[in-house]
PDB file of all heavy atoms in Angstrom:
ATOM      1  N   ALA A   1      21.165  20.470  -6.597  1.00  0.00           N
ATOM      2  CA  ALA A   1      21.355  20.701  -8.031  1.00  0.00           C
ATOM      3  C   ALA A   1      20.359  21.710  -8.587  1.00  0.00           C
ATOM      4  O   ALA A   1      20.343  21.968  -9.795  1.00  0.00           O
ATOM      5  CB  ALA A   1      21.239  19.380  -8.789  1.00  0.00           C
ATOM      6  N   GLY A   2      19.508  22.284  -7.727  1.00  0.00           N
ATOM      7  CA  GLY A   2      18.543  23.273  -8.167  1.00  0.00           C
ATOM      8  C   GLY A   2      17.264  22.697  -8.738  1.00  0.00           C
ATOM      9  O   GLY A   2      16.508  23.407  -9.409  1.00  0.00           O
ATOM     10  N   VAL A   3      16.982  21.413  -8.473  1.00  0.00           N
ATOM     11  CA  VAL A   3      15.764  20.773  -8.966  1.00  0.00           C
ATOM     12  C   VAL A   3      14.656  20.939  -7.924  1.00  0.00           C
ATOM     13  O   VAL A   3      14.852  20.651  -6.734  1.00  0.00           O
ATOM     14  CB  VAL A   3      15.994  19.275  -9.247  1.00  0.00           C
ATOM     15  CG1 VAL A   3      14.681  18.588  -9.651  1.00  0.00           C
ATOM     16  CG2 VAL A   3      17.051  19.099 -10.322  1.00  0.00           C
ATOM     17  N   LEU A   4      13.496  21.403  -8.374  1.00  0.00           N
ATOM     18  CA  LEU A   4      12.359  21.596  -7.485  1.00  0.00           C
ATOM     19  C   LEU A   4      11.728  20.256  -7.133  1.00  0.00           C
ATOM     20  O   LEU A   4      11.490  19.414  -7.998  1.00  0.00           O
ATOM     21  CB  LEU A   4      11.314  22.486  -8.153  1.00  0.00           C
ATOM     22  CG  LEU A   4       9.996  22.698  -7.379  1.00  0.00           C
ATOM     23  CD1 LEU A   4      10.247  23.450  -6.078  1.00  0.00           C
ATOM     24  CD2 LEU A   4       8.993  23.441  -8.257  1.00  0.00           C
ATOM     25  N   HIS A   5      11.437  20.055  -5.835  1.00  0.00           N
ATOM     26  CA  HIS A   5      10.733  18.875  -5.361  1.00  0.00           C
ATOM     27  C   HIS A   5       9.439  19.310  -4.684  1.00  0.00           C
ATOM     28  O   HIS A   5       9.423  20.287  -3.926  1.00  0.00           O
ATOM     29  CB  HIS A   5      11.591  18.079  -4.384  1.00  0.00           C
ATOM     30  CG  HIS A   5      12.740  17.366  -5.039  1.00  0.00           C
ATOM     31  ND1 HIS A   5      13.808  18.032  -5.605  1.00  0.00           N
ATOM     32  CD2 HIS A   5      12.972  16.033  -5.244  1.00  0.00           C
ATOM     33  CE1 HIS A   5      14.661  17.138  -6.109  1.00  0.00           C
ATOM     34  NE2 HIS A   5      14.170  15.941  -5.911  1.00  0.00           N
ATOM     35  N   VAL A   6       8.377  18.589  -4.978  1.00  0.00           N
ATOM     36  CA  VAL A   6       7.042  18.913  -4.473  1.00  0.00           C
ATOM     37  C   VAL A   6       6.492  17.711  -3.735  1.00  0.00           C
ATOM     38  O   VAL A   6       6.552  16.583  -4.236  1.00  0.00           O
ATOM     39  CB  VAL A   6       6.086  19.293  -5.628  1.00  0.00           C
ATOM     40  CG1 VAL A   6       4.697  19.626  -5.092  1.00  0.00           C
ATOM     41  CG2 VAL A   6       6.650  20.459  -6.430  1.00  0.00           C
ATOM     42  N   VAL A   7       5.931  17.947  -2.562  1.00  0.00           N
ATOM     43  CA  VAL A   7       5.255  16.889  -1.821  1.00  0.00           C
ATOM     44  C   VAL A   7       3.788  16.874  -2.254  1.00  0.00           C
ATOM     45  O   VAL A   7       3.098  17.889  -2.168  1.00  0.00           O
ATOM     46  CB  VAL A   7       5.353  17.108  -0.303  1.00  0.00           C
ATOM     47  CG1 VAL A   7       4.526  16.058   0.442  1.00  0.00           C
ATOM     48  CG2 VAL A   7       6.801  17.055   0.148  1.00  0.00           C
ATOM     49  N   GLU A   8       3.331  15.722  -2.723  1.00  0.00           N
ATOM     50  CA  GLU A   8       1.936  15.516  -3.109  1.00  0.00           C
ATOM     51  C   GLU A   8       1.267  14.697  -2.008  1.00  0.00           C
ATOM     52  O   GLU A   8       1.745  13.614  -1.659  1.00  0.00           O
ATOM     53  CB  GLU A   8       1.879  14.773  -4.447  1.00  0.00           C
ATOM     54  CG  GLU A   8       0.514  14.223  -4.826  1.00  0.00           C
ATOM     55  CD  GLU A   8      -0.520  15.299  -5.085  1.00  0.00           C
ATOM     56  OE1 GLU A   8      -1.038  15.831  -4.081  1.00  0.00           O
ATOM     57  OE2 GLU A   8      -0.809  15.577  -6.263  1.00  0.00           O
ATOM     58  N   ALA A   9       0.173  15.221  -1.447  1.00  0.00           N
ATOM     59  CA  ALA A   9      -0.490  14.548  -0.331  1.00  0.00           C
ATOM     60  C   ALA A   9      -1.770  13.842  -0.729  1.00  0.00           C
ATOM     61  O   ALA A   9      -2.443  13.260   0.121  1.00  0.00           O
ATOM     62  CB  ALA A   9      -0.795  15.558   0.775  1.00  0.00           C
ATOM     63  N   LEU A  10      -2.135  13.866  -2.003  1.00  0.00           N
ATOM     64  CA  LEU A  10      -3.376  13.244  -2.434  1.00  0.00           C
ATOM     65  C   LEU A  10      -3.294  11.730  -2.274  1.00  0.00           C
ATOM     66  O   LEU A  10      -2.339  11.103  -2.727  1.00  0.00           O
ATOM     67  CB  LEU A  10      -3.663  13.593  -3.894  1.00  0.00           C
ATOM     68  CG  LEU A  10      -4.983  13.061  -4.471  1.00  0.00           C
ATOM     69  CD1 LEU A  10      -6.169  13.731  -3.788  1.00  0.00           C
ATOM     70  CD2 LEU A  10      -5.037  13.290  -5.977  1.00  0.00           C
ATOM     71  N   ALA A  11      -4.295  11.144  -1.622  1.00  0.00           N
ATOM     72  CA  ALA A  11      -4.313   9.700  -1.404  1.00  0.00           C
ATOM     73  C   ALA A  11      -4.223   8.961  -2.743  1.00  0.00           C
ATOM     74  O   ALA A  11      -4.899   9.310  -3.707  1.00  0.00           O
ATOM     75  CB  ALA A  11      -5.597   9.295  -0.678  1.00  0.00           C
ATOM     76  N   GLY A  12      -3.343   7.977  -2.788  1.00  0.00           N
ATOM     77  CA  GLY A  12      -3.126   7.225  -4.013  1.00  0.00           C
ATOM     78  C   GLY A  12      -1.975   7.741  -4.840  1.00  0.00           C
ATOM     79  O   GLY A  12      -1.448   7.015  -5.687  1.00  0.00           O
ATOM     80  N   SER A  13      -1.599   8.994  -4.617  1.00  0.00           N
ATOM     81  CA  SER A  13      -0.473   9.577  -5.357  1.00  0.00           C
ATOM     82  C   SER A  13       0.562  10.184  -4.422  1.00  0.00           C
ATOM     83  O   SER A  13       1.499  10.831  -4.878  1.00  0.00           O
ATOM     84  CB  SER A  13      -0.976  10.673  -6.307  1.00  0.00           C
ATOM     85  OG  SER A  13      -1.935  10.176  -7.200  1.00  0.00           O
ATOM     86  N   SER A  14       0.372   9.991  -3.125  1.00  0.00           N
ATOM     87  CA  SER A  14       1.206  10.664  -2.137  1.00  0.00           C
ATOM     88  C   SER A  14       2.681  10.318  -2.309  1.00  0.00           C
ATOM     89  O   SER A  14       3.051   9.159  -2.474  1.00  0.00           O
ATOM     90  CB  SER A  14       0.749  10.283  -0.728  1.00  0.00           C
ATOM     91  OG  SER A  14       1.554  10.896   0.256  1.00  0.00           O
ATOM     92  N   GLY A  15       3.510  11.352  -2.299  1.00  0.00           N
ATOM     93  CA  GLY A  15       4.941  11.140  -2.433  1.00  0.00           C
ATOM     94  C   GLY A  15       5.654  12.444  -2.713  1.00  0.00           C
ATOM     95  O   GLY A  15       5.066  13.522  -2.667  1.00  0.00           O
ATOM     96  N   VAL A  16       6.947  12.345  -2.967  1.00  0.00           N
ATOM     97  CA  VAL A  16       7.772  13.493  -3.326  1.00  0.00           C
ATOM     98  C   VAL A  16       8.120  13.372  -4.800  1.00  0.00           C
ATOM     99  O   VAL A  16       8.621  12.330  -5.249  1.00  0.00           O
ATOM    100  CB  VAL A  16       9.064  13.545  -2.481  1.00  0.00           C
ATOM    101  CG1 VAL A  16       9.914  14.745  -2.885  1.00  0.00           C
ATOM    102  CG2 VAL A  16       8.728  13.603  -0.991  1.00  0.00           C
ATOM    103  N   TYR A  17       7.858  14.439  -5.554  1.00  0.00           N
ATOM    104  CA  TYR A  17       8.075  14.443  -6.996  1.00  0.00           C
ATOM    105  C   TYR A  17       9.130  15.474  -7.369  1.00  0.00           C
ATOM    106  O   TYR A  17       9.115  16.595  -6.857  1.00  0.00           O
ATOM    107  CB  TYR A  17       6.778  14.773  -7.740  1.00  0.00           C
ATOM    108  CG  TYR A  17       5.729  13.687  -7.663  1.00  0.00           C
ATOM    109  CD1 TYR A  17       4.930  13.553  -6.535  1.00  0.00           C
ATOM    110  CD2 TYR A  17       5.554  12.803  -8.719  1.00  0.00           C
ATOM    111  CE1 TYR A  17       3.962  12.551  -6.460  1.00  0.00           C
ATOM    112  CE2 TYR A  17       4.590  11.802  -8.659  1.00  0.00           C
ATOM    113  CZ  TYR A  17       3.798  11.683  -7.524  1.00  0.00           C
ATOM    114  OH  TYR A  17       2.851  10.691  -7.453  1.00  0.00           O
ATOM    115  N   ALA A  18      10.029  15.088  -8.276  1.00  0.00           N
ATOM    116  CA  ALA A  18      11.009  16.016  -8.838  1.00  0.00           C
ATOM    117  C   ALA A  18      10.419  16.638 -10.100  1.00  0.00           C
ATOM    118  O   ALA A  18       9.883  15.930 -10.957  1.00  0.00           O
ATOM    119  CB  ALA A  18      12.311  15.291  -9.165  1.00  0.00           C
ATOM    120  N   ILE A  19      10.509  17.981 -10.210  1.00  0.00           N
ATOM    121  CA  ILE A  19       9.949  18.704 -11.341  1.00  0.00           C
ATOM    122  C   ILE A  19      11.105  19.278 -12.156  1.00  0.00           C
ATOM    123  O   ILE A  19      11.829  20.168 -11.702  1.00  0.00           O
ATOM    124  CB  ILE A  19       9.025  19.851 -10.881  1.00  0.00           C
ATOM    125  CG1 ILE A  19       7.977  19.328  -9.886  1.00  0.00           C
ATOM    126  CG2 ILE A  19       8.357  20.503 -12.076  1.00  0.00           C
ATOM    127  CD1 ILE A  19       7.068  18.267 -10.449  1.00  0.00           C
ATOM    128  N   ARG A  20      11.259  18.756 -13.363  1.00  0.00           N
ATOM    129  CA  ARG A  20      12.309  19.233 -14.267  1.00  0.00           C
ATOM    130  C   ARG A  20      11.672  19.772 -15.540  1.00  0.00           C
ATOM    131  O   ARG A  20      10.623  19.279 -15.969  1.00  0.00           O
ATOM    132  CB  ARG A  20      13.290  18.102 -14.605  1.00  0.00           C
ATOM    133  CG  ARG A  20      14.047  17.553 -13.389  1.00  0.00           C
ATOM    134  CD  ARG A  20      14.983  16.427 -13.807  1.00  0.00           C
ATOM    135  NE  ARG A  20      15.792  15.940 -12.706  1.00  0.00           N
ATOM    136  CZ  ARG A  20      15.404  14.957 -11.892  1.00  0.00           C
ATOM    137  NH1 ARG A  20      14.227  14.373 -12.058  1.00  0.00           N
ATOM    138  NH2 ARG A  20      16.193  14.550 -10.911  1.00  0.00           N
ATOM    139  N   PRO A  21      12.283  20.770 -16.155  1.00  0.00           N
ATOM    140  CA  PRO A  21      11.710  21.344 -17.381  1.00  0.00           C
ATOM    141  C   PRO A  21      11.538  20.297 -18.474  1.00  0.00           C
ATOM    142  O   PRO A  21      12.407  19.444 -18.698  1.00  0.00           O
ATOM    143  CB  PRO A  21      12.747  22.402 -17.792  1.00  0.00           C
ATOM    144  CG  PRO A  21      13.476  22.730 -16.526  1.00  0.00           C
ATOM    145  CD  PRO A  21      13.520  21.461 -15.733  1.00  0.00           C
ATOM    146  N   ASP A  22      10.373  20.360 -19.140  1.00  0.00           N
ATOM    147  CA  ASP A  22      10.099  19.527 -20.308  1.00  0.00           C
ATOM    148  C   ASP A  22      10.120  18.030 -20.012  1.00  0.00           C
ATOM    149  O   ASP A  22      10.381  17.200 -20.896  1.00  0.00           O
ATOM    150  CB  ASP A  22      11.103  19.823 -21.439  1.00  0.00           C
ATOM    151  CG  ASP A  22      11.122  21.287 -21.826  1.00  0.00           C
ATOM    152  OD1 ASP A  22      10.021  21.885 -21.901  1.00  0.00           O
ATOM    153  OD2 ASP A  22      12.214  21.826 -22.044  1.00  0.00           O
ATOM    154  N   ARG A  23       9.843  17.674 -18.752  1.00  0.00           N
ATOM    155  CA  ARG A  23       9.765  16.261 -18.384  1.00  0.00           C
ATOM    156  C   ARG A  23       8.570  16.050 -17.478  1.00  0.00           C
ATOM    157  O   ARG A  23       8.141  16.964 -16.767  1.00  0.00           O
ATOM    158  CB  ARG A  23      11.053  15.797 -17.680  1.00  0.00           C
ATOM    159  CG  ARG A  23      12.258  15.722 -18.598  1.00  0.00           C
ATOM    160  CD  ARG A  23      13.529  15.433 -17.836  1.00  0.00           C
ATOM    161  NE  ARG A  23      13.463  14.196 -17.074  1.00  0.00           N
ATOM    162  CZ  ARG A  23      14.495  13.716 -16.368  1.00  0.00           C
ATOM    163  NH1 ARG A  23      15.643  14.390 -16.349  1.00  0.00           N
ATOM    164  NH2 ARG A  23      14.378  12.599 -15.704  1.00  0.00           N
ATOM    165  N   GLU A  24       8.042  14.832 -17.486  1.00  0.00           N
ATOM    166  CA  GLU A  24       6.961  14.498 -16.574  1.00  0.00           C
ATOM    167  C   GLU A  24       7.501  14.478 -15.142  1.00  0.00           C
ATOM    168  O   GLU A  24       8.680  14.168 -14.915  1.00  0.00           O
ATOM    169  CB  GLU A  24       6.383  13.121 -16.919  1.00  0.00           C
ATOM    170  CG  GLU A  24       5.610  13.083 -18.232  1.00  0.00           C
ATOM    171  CD  GLU A  24       4.350  13.920 -18.173  1.00  0.00           C
ATOM    172  OE1 GLU A  24       3.637  13.862 -17.156  1.00  0.00           O
ATOM    173  OE2 GLU A  24       4.093  14.653 -19.148  1.00  0.00           O
TER     174      GLU A  24
END
């Protein structure tokens, strides 16, 4: 769908995050 996903490797927050405009 064209949504950017970012892998976060920081301990305690590690996971895959979806980044959408104007949203957390």
